[in-house]
Amino acid sequence: MNKPMEGLLAALDLTDTGARTNEDIFTGPSQWMPLGRVFGGQVLAQSLIAAMRTVADDRSVHSMHGYFLRPGDVNHPITFSVDRIHDGRSFSTRRTQAYQNGLPILSAIASFQDDDEGLEHHLEMPADLPDPESLPTAAETLSQVDHSIARYWASERPFDIRHVPSPIYLKVDGEHTARQAVWMKTFDALPDDPNIHRAALAYASDYSIIEPILRRHGVAWATRGLKAASLDHAMWWHRFGRADEWVLFVQDSPSAQGGRGLSTGSIYSRDGLLLASVAQEAMIRVPTNQE
């Protein structure tokens, strides 16, 4: 297993401190990032794991809504407090606060449900997209770039991420459209625990969700002076899917304004099942000579 995968699993293996007041307390490590700020997908997935630890095994997460309050520091661990807000006949609700140095960096609410039967439908997966095996890896795309962020994108993430039509790491090729798709999966196999796969999908959903906003305006990640930060993140799990098998993340941005942009996405299994839906608003500031 490669080091990024080991880091992912270590991050999701929270420690139960045993402390009890009116909340459950857990701690978890921060993964290294080239700019020293905690990856939002990491703290989101950890907050979800903390909430899962307090819910009956027969209830699965179906939604989570989180607000990123402050940047996290990779040099410090994170403390998670879980408030068991409600346990009903079919649903449970949990609020998780993530702290560093006594200050909250993320506040999230998650809802869990018993398995149930009901109406079934979902939007079909786009059928005209290339298979992931035909697309270049991030390592291949960035092989000639010697920079700490490029090295992180290329080989220090636990997920294999392949863009349709092309990545926007260094430049935006082709039409400037507010839509793209990303194939993704972990590089190595994950444990069979379904909650690890649900949390891993949440983790990976934060990598590229705001890229349709940037693509629409021809702004690459390498744009000098670009400032981007996630403000909030919502996710709905519809059906179970493994994060160590290829999933297709279809993304679009309906609006950008006032220094903020909204992106939405749908995550499909390779055989076309809609696994999850995602929405995120982000602060995006681009130097005026780049707009």
C-alpha atoms as a PDB file:
ATOM      1  CA  MET A   1       0.000   0.000   0.000  1.00  0.00           C
ATOM      2  CA  ASN A   2       1.427   3.419  -0.941  1.00  0.00           C
ATOM      3  CA  LYS A   3       2.029   6.161   1.617  1.00  0.00           C
ATOM      4  CA  PRO A   4      -0.904   8.387   0.580  1.00  0.00           C
ATOM      5  CA  MET A   5      -3.250   5.419   1.087  1.00  0.00           C
ATOM      6  CA  GLU A   6      -1.731   4.725   4.480  1.00  0.00           C
ATOM      7  CA  GLY A   7      -2.256   8.398   5.321  1.00  0.00           C
ATOM      8  CA  LEU A   8      -5.904   8.272   4.282  1.00  0.00           C
ATOM      9  CA  LEU A   9      -6.638   5.224   6.427  1.00  0.00           C
ATOM     10  CA  ALA A  10      -4.743   6.707   9.366  1.00  0.00           C
ATOM     11  CA  ALA A  11      -6.729   9.928   9.079  1.00  0.00           C
ATOM     12  CA  LEU A  12     -10.013   8.018   9.129  1.00  0.00           C
ATOM     13  CA  ASP A  13      -8.971   5.874  12.115  1.00  0.00           C
ATOM     14  CA  LEU A  14     -10.086   8.303  14.812  1.00  0.00           C
ATOM     15  CA  THR A  15      -9.203   7.825  18.458  1.00  0.00           C
ATOM     16  CA  ASP A  16     -12.045   7.687  20.965  1.00  0.00           C
ATOM     17  CA  THR A  17     -10.757   9.700  23.898  1.00  0.00           C
ATOM     18  CA  GLY A  18     -13.250   8.125  26.286  1.00  0.00           C
ATOM     19  CA  ALA A  19     -14.246  11.602  27.473  1.00  0.00           C
ATOM     20  CA  ARG A  20     -17.984  12.035  27.972  1.00  0.00           C
ATOM     21  CA  THR A  21     -19.970  15.102  28.907  1.00  0.00           C
ATOM     22  CA  ASN A  22     -23.028  15.625  26.763  1.00  0.00           C
ATOM     23  CA  GLU A  23     -20.897  14.916  23.670  1.00  0.00           C
ATOM     24  CA  ASP A  24     -18.623  12.177  22.318  1.00  0.00           C
ATOM     25  CA  ILE A  25     -15.002  13.264  21.778  1.00  0.00           C
ATOM     26  CA  PHE A  26     -12.616  11.884  19.159  1.00  0.00           C
ATOM     27  CA  THR A  27      -9.230  12.957  17.849  1.00  0.00           C
ATOM     28  CA  GLY A  28      -7.557  12.468  14.492  1.00  0.00           C
ATOM     29  CA  PRO A  29      -4.332  13.431  12.708  1.00  0.00           C
ATOM     30  CA  SER A  30      -3.901  16.059  10.020  1.00  0.00           C
ATOM     31  CA  GLN A  31      -2.420  14.940   6.705  1.00  0.00           C
ATOM     32  CA  TRP A  32       0.447  16.888   5.181  1.00  0.00           C
ATOM     33  CA  MET A  33      -0.468  19.402   2.467  1.00  0.00           C
ATOM     34  CA  PRO A  34       1.992  21.507   0.456  1.00  0.00           C
ATOM     35  CA  LEU A  35       0.588  24.857   1.616  1.00  0.00           C
ATOM     36  CA  GLY A  36       0.185  23.815   5.255  1.00  0.00           C
ATOM     37  CA  ARG A  37      -3.623  24.010   5.320  1.00  0.00           C
ATOM     38  CA  VAL A  38      -5.741  20.957   6.125  1.00  0.00           C
ATOM     39  CA  PHE A  39      -7.510  19.515   3.074  1.00  0.00           C
ATOM     40  CA  GLY A  40     -11.235  20.188   3.427  1.00  0.00           C
ATOM     41  CA  GLY A  41     -12.157  16.703   2.238  1.00  0.00           C
ATOM     42  CA  GLN A  42     -10.045  15.242   5.044  1.00  0.00           C
ATOM     43  CA  VAL A  43     -11.779  17.091   7.895  1.00  0.00           C
ATOM     44  CA  LEU A  44     -15.180  16.502   6.256  1.00  0.00           C
ATOM     45  CA  ALA A  45     -14.577  12.735   6.076  1.00  0.00           C
ATOM     46  CA  GLN A  46     -13.213  12.647   9.625  1.00  0.00           C
ATOM     47  CA  SER A  47     -16.255  14.531  10.933  1.00  0.00           C
ATOM     48  CA  LEU A  48     -18.446  11.981   9.203  1.00  0.00           C
ATOM     49  CA  ILE A  49     -16.519   9.069  10.738  1.00  0.00           C
ATOM     50  CA  ALA A  50     -16.874  10.665  14.187  1.00  0.00           C
ATOM     51  CA  ALA A  51     -20.647  10.911  13.735  1.00  0.00           C
ATOM     52  CA  MET A  52     -20.826   7.330  12.431  1.00  0.00           C
ATOM     53  CA  ARG A  53     -19.115   6.082  15.598  1.00  0.00           C
ATOM     54  CA  THR A  54     -22.147   7.239  17.645  1.00  0.00           C
ATOM     55  CA  VAL A  55     -24.917   5.745  15.485  1.00  0.00           C
ATOM     56  CA  ALA A  56     -26.328   2.213  15.492  1.00  0.00           C
ATOM     57  CA  ASP A  57     -24.715  -0.076  12.909  1.00  0.00           C
ATOM     58  CA  ASP A  58     -28.010  -0.589  11.075  1.00  0.00           C
ATOM     59  CA  ARG A  59     -28.320   3.118  10.220  1.00  0.00           C
ATOM     60  CA  SER A  60     -26.371   4.548   7.273  1.00  0.00           C
ATOM     61  CA  VAL A  61     -25.592   8.163   6.498  1.00  0.00           C
ATOM     62  CA  HIS A  62     -27.810   9.652   3.812  1.00  0.00           C
ATOM     63  CA  SER A  63     -26.900  13.348   4.033  1.00  0.00           C
ATOM     64  CA  MET A  64     -24.333  15.720   5.469  1.00  0.00           C
ATOM     65  CA  HIS A  65     -24.125  19.515   5.423  1.00  0.00           C
ATOM     66  CA  GLY A  66     -20.926  21.184   6.586  1.00  0.00           C
ATOM     67  CA  TYR A  67     -19.527  24.702   6.887  1.00  0.00           C
ATOM     68  CA  PHE A  68     -15.798  25.368   6.709  1.00  0.00           C
ATOM     69  CA  LEU A  69     -15.186  28.030   9.353  1.00  0.00           C
ATOM     70  CA  ARG A  70     -11.398  28.455   9.514  1.00  0.00           C
ATOM     71  CA  PRO A  71      -8.367  27.027   7.737  1.00  0.00           C
ATOM     72  CA  GLY A  72      -6.911  24.017   9.523  1.00  0.00           C
ATOM     73  CA  ASP A  73      -3.195  23.667  10.285  1.00  0.00           C
ATOM     74  CA  VAL A  74      -1.534  20.414   9.156  1.00  0.00           C
ATOM     75  CA  ASN A  75       0.916  20.665  12.053  1.00  0.00           C
ATOM     76  CA  HIS A  76      -1.789  20.001  14.647  1.00  0.00           C
ATOM     77  CA  PRO A  77      -4.276  17.156  15.248  1.00  0.00           C
ATOM     78  CA  ILE A  78      -8.017  17.772  15.169  1.00  0.00           C
ATOM     79  CA  THR A  79     -10.550  17.186  17.938  1.00  0.00           C
ATOM     80  CA  PHE A  80     -14.096  16.186  17.006  1.00  0.00           C
ATOM     81  CA  SER A  81     -17.090  16.612  19.327  1.00  0.00           C
ATOM     82  CA  VAL A  82     -20.325  14.838  18.390  1.00  0.00           C
ATOM     83  CA  ASP A  83     -23.694  15.920  19.721  1.00  0.00           C
ATOM     84  CA  ARG A  84     -26.304  13.142  19.552  1.00  0.00           C
ATOM     85  CA  ILE A  85     -29.077  15.545  18.586  1.00  0.00           C
ATOM     86  CA  HIS A  86     -31.823  13.019  17.868  1.00  0.00           C
ATOM     87  CA  ASP A  87     -32.557   9.309  17.560  1.00  0.00           C
ATOM     88  CA  GLY A  88     -35.977   8.590  16.095  1.00  0.00           C
ATOM     89  CA  ARG A  89     -37.730   5.467  14.906  1.00  0.00           C
ATOM     90  CA  SER A  90     -36.096   5.635  11.459  1.00  0.00           C
ATOM     91  CA  PHE A  91     -33.613   8.515  11.512  1.00  0.00           C
ATOM     92  CA  SER A  92     -30.721   9.721  13.674  1.00  0.00           C
ATOM     93  CA  THR A  93     -29.145  13.175  13.548  1.00  0.00           C
ATOM     94  CA  ARG A  94     -25.658  14.149  14.679  1.00  0.00           C
ATOM     95  CA  ARG A  95     -23.809  17.461  14.861  1.00  0.00           C
ATOM     96  CA  THR A  96     -20.015  17.311  14.635  1.00  0.00           C
ATOM     97  CA  GLN A  97     -17.704  20.185  15.441  1.00  0.00           C
ATOM     98  CA  ALA A  98     -14.033  19.954  14.435  1.00  0.00           C
ATOM     99  CA  TYR A  99     -11.569  21.953  16.562  1.00  0.00           C
ATOM    100  CA  GLN A 100      -7.934  22.974  16.494  1.00  0.00           C
ATOM    101  CA  ASN A 101      -6.429  24.955  19.356  1.00  0.00           C
ATOM    102  CA  GLY A 102      -9.881  25.322  20.884  1.00  0.00           C
ATOM    103  CA  LEU A 103     -11.392  27.005  17.815  1.00  0.00           C
ATOM    104  CA  PRO A 104     -13.893  25.356  15.432  1.00  0.00           C
ATOM    105  CA  ILE A 105     -12.672  24.802  11.874  1.00  0.00           C
ATOM    106  CA  LEU A 106     -15.734  22.908  10.606  1.00  0.00           C
ATOM    107  CA  SER A 107     -19.325  22.478  11.762  1.00  0.00           C
ATOM    108  CA  ALA A 108     -21.411  19.720  10.198  1.00  0.00           C
ATOM    109  CA  ILE A 109     -24.749  17.991  10.642  1.00  0.00           C
ATOM    110  CA  ALA A 110     -25.322  14.466   9.332  1.00  0.00           C
ATOM    111  CA  SER A 111     -28.483  12.378   9.132  1.00  0.00           C
ATOM    112  CA  PHE A 112     -28.671   8.579   9.225  1.00  0.00           C
ATOM    113  CA  GLN A 113     -31.513   6.220   8.270  1.00  0.00           C
ATOM    114  CA  ASP A 114     -32.548   2.599   8.618  1.00  0.00           C
ATOM    115  CA  ASP A 115     -32.698   0.585   5.404  1.00  0.00           C
ATOM    116  CA  ASP A 116     -36.133   1.163   3.897  1.00  0.00           C
ATOM    117  CA  GLU A 117     -38.136   0.526   0.752  1.00  0.00           C
ATOM    118  CA  GLY A 118     -39.782   3.178  -1.404  1.00  0.00           C
ATOM    119  CA  LEU A 119     -39.935   4.843  -4.807  1.00  0.00           C
ATOM    120  CA  GLU A 120     -36.882   4.392  -7.015  1.00  0.00           C
ATOM    121  CA  HIS A 121     -35.465   6.456  -9.892  1.00  0.00           C
ATOM    122  CA  HIS A 122     -32.305   8.370 -10.772  1.00  0.00           C
ATOM    123  CA  LEU A 123     -30.880  10.454 -13.605  1.00  0.00           C
ATOM    124  CA  GLU A 124     -28.906   8.377 -16.063  1.00  0.00           C
ATOM    125  CA  MET A 125     -25.135   8.609 -16.258  1.00  0.00           C
ATOM    126  CA  PRO A 126     -23.806  10.335 -19.398  1.00  0.00           C
ATOM    127  CA  ALA A 127     -23.072   7.638 -21.939  1.00  0.00           C
ATOM    128  CA  ASP A 128     -20.646   9.436 -24.271  1.00  0.00           C
ATOM    129  CA  LEU A 129     -17.609   9.776 -21.998  1.00  0.00           C
ATOM    130  CA  PRO A 130     -14.276   7.965 -22.398  1.00  0.00           C
ATOM    131  CA  ASP A 131     -13.285   5.126 -20.095  1.00  0.00           C
ATOM    132  CA  PRO A 132     -10.813   6.030 -17.344  1.00  0.00           C
ATOM    133  CA  GLU A 133      -8.141   3.694 -18.730  1.00  0.00           C
ATOM    134  CA  SER A 134      -7.979   5.816 -21.904  1.00  0.00           C
ATOM    135  CA  LEU A 135      -7.263   9.033 -19.998  1.00  0.00           C
ATOM    136  CA  PRO A 136      -3.877  10.286 -18.744  1.00  0.00           C
ATOM    137  CA  THR A 137      -3.058  10.096 -15.054  1.00  0.00           C
ATOM    138  CA  ALA A 138      -2.156  13.197 -13.063  1.00  0.00           C
ATOM    139  CA  ALA A 139       1.391  11.843 -12.851  1.00  0.00           C
ATOM    140  CA  GLU A 140       1.624  11.644 -16.636  1.00  0.00           C
ATOM    141  CA  THR A 141       0.160  15.138 -17.079  1.00  0.00           C
ATOM    142  CA  LEU A 142       2.532  16.731 -14.561  1.00  0.00           C
ATOM    143  CA  SER A 143       5.656  14.649 -15.138  1.00  0.00           C
ATOM    144  CA  GLN A 144       7.696  17.631 -16.375  1.00  0.00           C
ATOM    145  CA  VAL A 145       6.738  20.013 -13.557  1.00  0.00           C
ATOM    146  CA  ASP A 146       9.073  20.272 -10.555  1.00  0.00           C
ATOM    147  CA  HIS A 147       6.984  21.976  -7.865  1.00  0.00           C
ATOM    148  CA  SER A 148       5.702  20.833  -4.473  1.00  0.00           C
ATOM    149  CA  ILE A 149       2.036  21.341  -5.407  1.00  0.00           C
ATOM    150  CA  ALA A 150       2.501  19.564  -8.748  1.00  0.00           C
ATOM    151  CA  ARG A 151       4.181  16.656  -6.967  1.00  0.00           C
ATOM    152  CA  TYR A 152       1.264  16.475  -4.554  1.00  0.00           C
ATOM    153  CA  TRP A 153      -1.261  16.445  -7.411  1.00  0.00           C
ATOM    154  CA  ALA A 154       0.793  13.887  -9.320  1.00  0.00           C
ATOM    155  CA  SER A 155       1.694  11.285  -6.730  1.00  0.00           C
ATOM    156  CA  GLU A 156       0.903  12.250  -3.137  1.00  0.00           C
ATOM    157  CA  ARG A 157      -2.882  11.894  -3.118  1.00  0.00           C
ATOM    158  CA  PRO A 158      -4.590   8.587  -2.269  1.00  0.00           C
ATOM    159  CA  PHE A 159      -6.942   8.901  -5.258  1.00  0.00           C
ATOM    160  CA  ASP A 160      -6.302   8.316  -8.952  1.00  0.00           C
ATOM    161  CA  ILE A 161      -8.100  11.242 -10.638  1.00  0.00           C
ATOM    162  CA  ARG A 162      -8.592  11.487 -14.405  1.00  0.00           C
ATOM    163  CA  HIS A 163     -10.385  14.408 -16.056  1.00  0.00           C
ATOM    164  CA  VAL A 164     -12.852  14.630 -18.931  1.00  0.00           C
ATOM    165  CA  PRO A 165     -12.101  16.419 -21.191  1.00  0.00           C
ATOM    166  CA  SER A 166      -8.735  17.409 -19.648  1.00  0.00           C
ATOM    167  CA  PRO A 167      -7.321  18.616 -16.317  1.00  0.00           C
ATOM    168  CA  ILE A 168      -6.984  22.297 -15.478  1.00  0.00           C
ATOM    169  CA  TYR A 169      -3.867  22.064 -13.312  1.00  0.00           C
ATOM    170  CA  LEU A 170      -1.698  24.255 -15.557  1.00  0.00           C
ATOM    171  CA  LYS A 171      -4.025  25.508 -18.325  1.00  0.00           C
ATOM    172  CA  VAL A 172      -7.600  25.225 -19.545  1.00  0.00           C
ATOM    173  CA  ASP A 173      -7.752  23.540 -22.940  1.00  0.00           C
ATOM    174  CA  GLY A 174     -10.769  23.574 -25.221  1.00  0.00           C
ATOM    175  CA  GLU A 175     -14.122  25.224 -24.641  1.00  0.00           C
ATOM    176  CA  HIS A 176     -14.560  27.293 -21.496  1.00  0.00           C
ATOM    177  CA  THR A 177     -17.639  25.514 -20.227  1.00  0.00           C
ATOM    178  CA  ALA A 178     -19.051  25.224 -16.702  1.00  0.00           C
ATOM    179  CA  ARG A 179     -19.151  21.436 -16.902  1.00  0.00           C
ATOM    180  CA  GLN A 180     -16.698  18.577 -16.599  1.00  0.00           C
ATOM    181  CA  ALA A 181     -16.413  14.988 -15.379  1.00  0.00           C
ATOM    182  CA  VAL A 182     -13.804  13.198 -13.316  1.00  0.00           C
ATOM    183  CA  TRP A 183     -13.126   9.486 -12.990  1.00  0.00           C
ATOM    184  CA  MET A 184     -11.713   8.643  -9.556  1.00  0.00           C
ATOM    185  CA  LYS A 185     -10.850   5.753  -7.260  1.00  0.00           C
ATOM    186  CA  THR A 186      -8.323   5.009  -4.548  1.00  0.00           C
ATOM    187  CA  PHE A 187      -4.984   3.668  -5.748  1.00  0.00           C
ATOM    188  CA  ASP A 188      -5.207   0.630  -3.472  1.00  0.00           C
ATOM    189  CA  ALA A 189      -8.014  -1.479  -2.067  1.00  0.00           C
ATOM    190  CA  LEU A 190      -9.880  -0.216   0.977  1.00  0.00           C
ATOM    191  CA  PRO A 191     -11.245  -2.317   3.851  1.00  0.00           C
ATOM    192  CA  ASP A 192     -14.723  -3.719   3.213  1.00  0.00           C
ATOM    193  CA  ASP A 193     -16.345  -1.540   5.908  1.00  0.00           C
ATOM    194  CA  PRO A 194     -19.083   0.388   4.005  1.00  0.00           C
ATOM    195  CA  ASN A 195     -18.591   3.443   6.217  1.00  0.00           C
ATOM    196  CA  ILE A 196     -14.950   3.719   5.110  1.00  0.00           C
ATOM    197  CA  HIS A 197     -16.128   3.836   1.492  1.00  0.00           C
ATOM    198  CA  ARG A 198     -18.809   6.440   2.250  1.00  0.00           C
ATOM    199  CA  ALA A 199     -16.280   8.608   4.069  1.00  0.00           C
ATOM    200  CA  ALA A 200     -13.694   8.136   1.312  1.00  0.00           C
ATOM    201  CA  LEU A 201     -16.199   9.341  -1.281  1.00  0.00           C
ATOM    202  CA  ALA A 202     -16.833  12.427   0.856  1.00  0.00           C
ATOM    203  CA  TYR A 203     -13.064  12.934   1.079  1.00  0.00           C
ATOM    204  CA  ALA A 204     -12.589  12.755  -2.694  1.00  0.00           C
ATOM    205  CA  SER A 205     -15.667  14.840  -3.501  1.00  0.00           C
ATOM    206  CA  ASP A 206     -13.758  17.950  -2.376  1.00  0.00           C
ATOM    207  CA  TYR A 207     -10.824  17.547  -4.790  1.00  0.00           C
ATOM    208  CA  SER A 208     -12.392  18.876  -7.980  1.00  0.00           C
ATOM    209  CA  ILE A 209     -15.943  20.028  -7.253  1.00  0.00           C
ATOM    210  CA  ILE A 210     -15.221  23.741  -7.871  1.00  0.00           C
ATOM    211  CA  GLU A 211     -13.298  23.161 -11.104  1.00  0.00           C
ATOM    212  CA  PRO A 212     -16.326  23.798 -13.368  1.00  0.00           C
ATOM    213  CA  ILE A 213     -16.340  27.367 -12.033  1.00  0.00           C
ATOM    214  CA  LEU A 214     -12.690  27.820 -12.951  1.00  0.00           C
ATOM    215  CA  ARG A 215     -13.056  26.024 -16.297  1.00  0.00           C
ATOM    216  CA  ARG A 216     -15.929  28.304 -17.316  1.00  0.00           C
ATOM    217  CA  HIS A 217     -13.658  31.345 -16.959  1.00  0.00           C
ATOM    218  CA  GLY A 218     -10.469  29.794 -18.332  1.00  0.00           C
ATOM    219  CA  VAL A 219      -8.738  29.892 -14.943  1.00  0.00           C
ATOM    220  CA  ALA A 220      -6.231  27.129 -14.195  1.00  0.00           C
ATOM    221  CA  TRP A 221      -5.162  26.126 -10.693  1.00  0.00           C
ATOM    222  CA  ALA A 222      -1.684  27.471 -11.490  1.00  0.00           C
ATOM    223  CA  THR A 223      -3.035  30.981 -12.148  1.00  0.00           C
ATOM    224  CA  ARG A 224      -0.848  33.414 -10.245  1.00  0.00           C
ATOM    225  CA  GLY A 225      -2.782  35.150  -7.458  1.00  0.00           C
ATOM    226  CA  LEU A 226      -5.770  32.778  -7.546  1.00  0.00           C
ATOM    227  CA  LYS A 227      -7.446  32.424  -4.147  1.00  0.00           C
ATOM    228  CA  ALA A 228     -10.025  29.692  -3.625  1.00  0.00           C
ATOM    229  CA  ALA A 229     -11.529  28.297  -0.430  1.00  0.00           C
ATOM    230  CA  SER A 230     -14.495  26.028   0.235  1.00  0.00           C
ATOM    231  CA  LEU A 231     -17.277  27.725   2.190  1.00  0.00           C
ATOM    232  CA  ASP A 232     -19.726  24.874   2.627  1.00  0.00           C
ATOM    233  CA  HIS A 233     -20.231  21.338   1.381  1.00  0.00           C
ATOM    234  CA  ALA A 234     -23.339  19.188   1.134  1.00  0.00           C
ATOM    235  CA  MET A 235     -23.541  15.526   0.180  1.00  0.00           C
ATOM    236  CA  TRP A 236     -26.332  13.010  -0.186  1.00  0.00           C
ATOM    237  CA  TRP A 237     -25.623   9.266  -0.341  1.00  0.00           C
ATOM    238  CA  HIS A 238     -28.251   7.487  -2.441  1.00  0.00           C
ATOM    239  CA  ARG A 239     -26.775   4.028  -2.943  1.00  0.00           C
ATOM    240  CA  PHE A 240     -23.694   2.206  -1.733  1.00  0.00           C
ATOM    241  CA  GLY A 241     -20.612   2.151  -3.912  1.00  0.00           C
ATOM    242  CA  ARG A 242     -16.983   1.268  -3.352  1.00  0.00           C
ATOM    243  CA  ALA A 243     -14.447   4.118  -3.424  1.00  0.00           C
ATOM    244  CA  ASP A 244     -11.700   1.717  -4.552  1.00  0.00           C
ATOM    245  CA  GLU A 245     -13.531   1.077  -7.838  1.00  0.00           C
ATOM    246  CA  TRP A 246     -13.891   3.632 -10.619  1.00  0.00           C
ATOM    247  CA  VAL A 247     -16.683   6.150 -10.081  1.00  0.00           C
ATOM    248  CA  LEU A 248     -17.642   9.002 -12.403  1.00  0.00           C
ATOM    249  CA  PHE A 249     -18.113  12.444 -10.852  1.00  0.00           C
ATOM    250  CA  VAL A 250     -20.152  14.605 -13.267  1.00  0.00           C
ATOM    251  CA  GLN A 251     -19.935  18.272 -12.264  1.00  0.00           C
ATOM    252  CA  ASP A 252     -21.380  21.616 -13.333  1.00  0.00           C
ATOM    253  CA  SER A 253     -21.577  25.169 -12.037  1.00  0.00           C
ATOM    254  CA  PRO A 254     -24.946  26.945 -12.307  1.00  0.00           C
ATOM    255  CA  SER A 255     -23.665  30.311 -11.052  1.00  0.00           C
ATOM    256  CA  ALA A 256     -20.710  32.432  -9.994  1.00  0.00           C
ATOM    257  CA  GLN A 257     -21.058  35.935  -8.561  1.00  0.00           C
ATOM    258  CA  GLY A 258     -19.810  38.244  -5.821  1.00  0.00           C
ATOM    259  CA  GLY A 259     -16.538  36.378  -5.334  1.00  0.00           C
ATOM    260  CA  ARG A 260     -18.391  33.087  -4.821  1.00  0.00           C
ATOM    261  CA  GLY A 261     -19.200  30.168  -7.082  1.00  0.00           C
ATOM    262  CA  LEU A 262     -21.562  27.209  -6.766  1.00  0.00           C
ATOM    263  CA  SER A 263     -20.869  23.747  -8.132  1.00  0.00           C
ATOM    264  CA  THR A 264     -23.007  20.624  -8.078  1.00  0.00           C
ATOM    265  CA  GLY A 265     -22.102  17.065  -8.926  1.00  0.00           C
ATOM    266  CA  SER A 266     -23.391  13.527  -9.342  1.00  0.00           C
ATOM    267  CA  ILE A 267     -21.277  10.468  -8.528  1.00  0.00           C
ATOM    268  CA  TYR A 268     -22.032   7.308 -10.533  1.00  0.00           C
ATOM    269  CA  SER A 269     -20.732   3.772 -10.301  1.00  0.00           C
ATOM    270  CA  ARG A 270     -19.057   2.537 -13.448  1.00  0.00           C
ATOM    271  CA  ASP A 271     -22.165   0.543 -14.347  1.00  0.00           C
ATOM    272  CA  GLY A 272     -24.358   3.652 -14.138  1.00  0.00           C
ATOM    273  CA  LEU A 273     -25.930   3.715 -10.665  1.00  0.00           C
ATOM    274  CA  LEU A 274     -26.251   7.150  -9.072  1.00  0.00           C
ATOM    275  CA  LEU A 275     -24.354   6.774  -5.798  1.00  0.00           C
ATOM    276  CA  ALA A 276     -24.302  10.311  -4.423  1.00  0.00           C
ATOM    277  CA  SER A 277     -25.004  13.984  -5.095  1.00  0.00           C
ATOM    278  CA  VAL A 278     -22.753  16.850  -4.015  1.00  0.00           C
ATOM    279  CA  ALA A 279     -22.995  20.639  -3.799  1.00  0.00           C
ATOM    280  CA  GLN A 280     -20.397  23.155  -2.721  1.00  0.00           C
ATOM    281  CA  GLU A 281     -20.084  26.934  -2.651  1.00  0.00           C
ATOM    282  CA  ALA A 282     -16.598  28.391  -2.636  1.00  0.00           C
ATOM    283  CA  MET A 283     -14.927  31.752  -2.375  1.00  0.00           C
ATOM    284  CA  ILE A 284     -13.009  32.359  -5.591  1.00  0.00           C
ATOM    285  CA  ARG A 285     -10.934  35.478  -6.195  1.00  0.00           C
ATOM    286  CA  VAL A 286      -9.070  35.901  -9.443  1.00  0.00           C
ATOM    287  CA  PRO A 287      -6.645  38.751 -10.212  1.00  0.00           C
ATOM    288  CA  THR A 288      -8.428  41.255 -12.456  1.00  0.00           C
ATOM    289  CA  ASN A 289      -5.929  40.809 -15.287  1.00  0.00           C
ATOM    290  CA  GLN A 290      -6.808  37.088 -15.374  1.00  0.00           C
ATOM    291  CA  GLU A 291     -10.603  37.383 -15.629  1.00  0.00           C
END
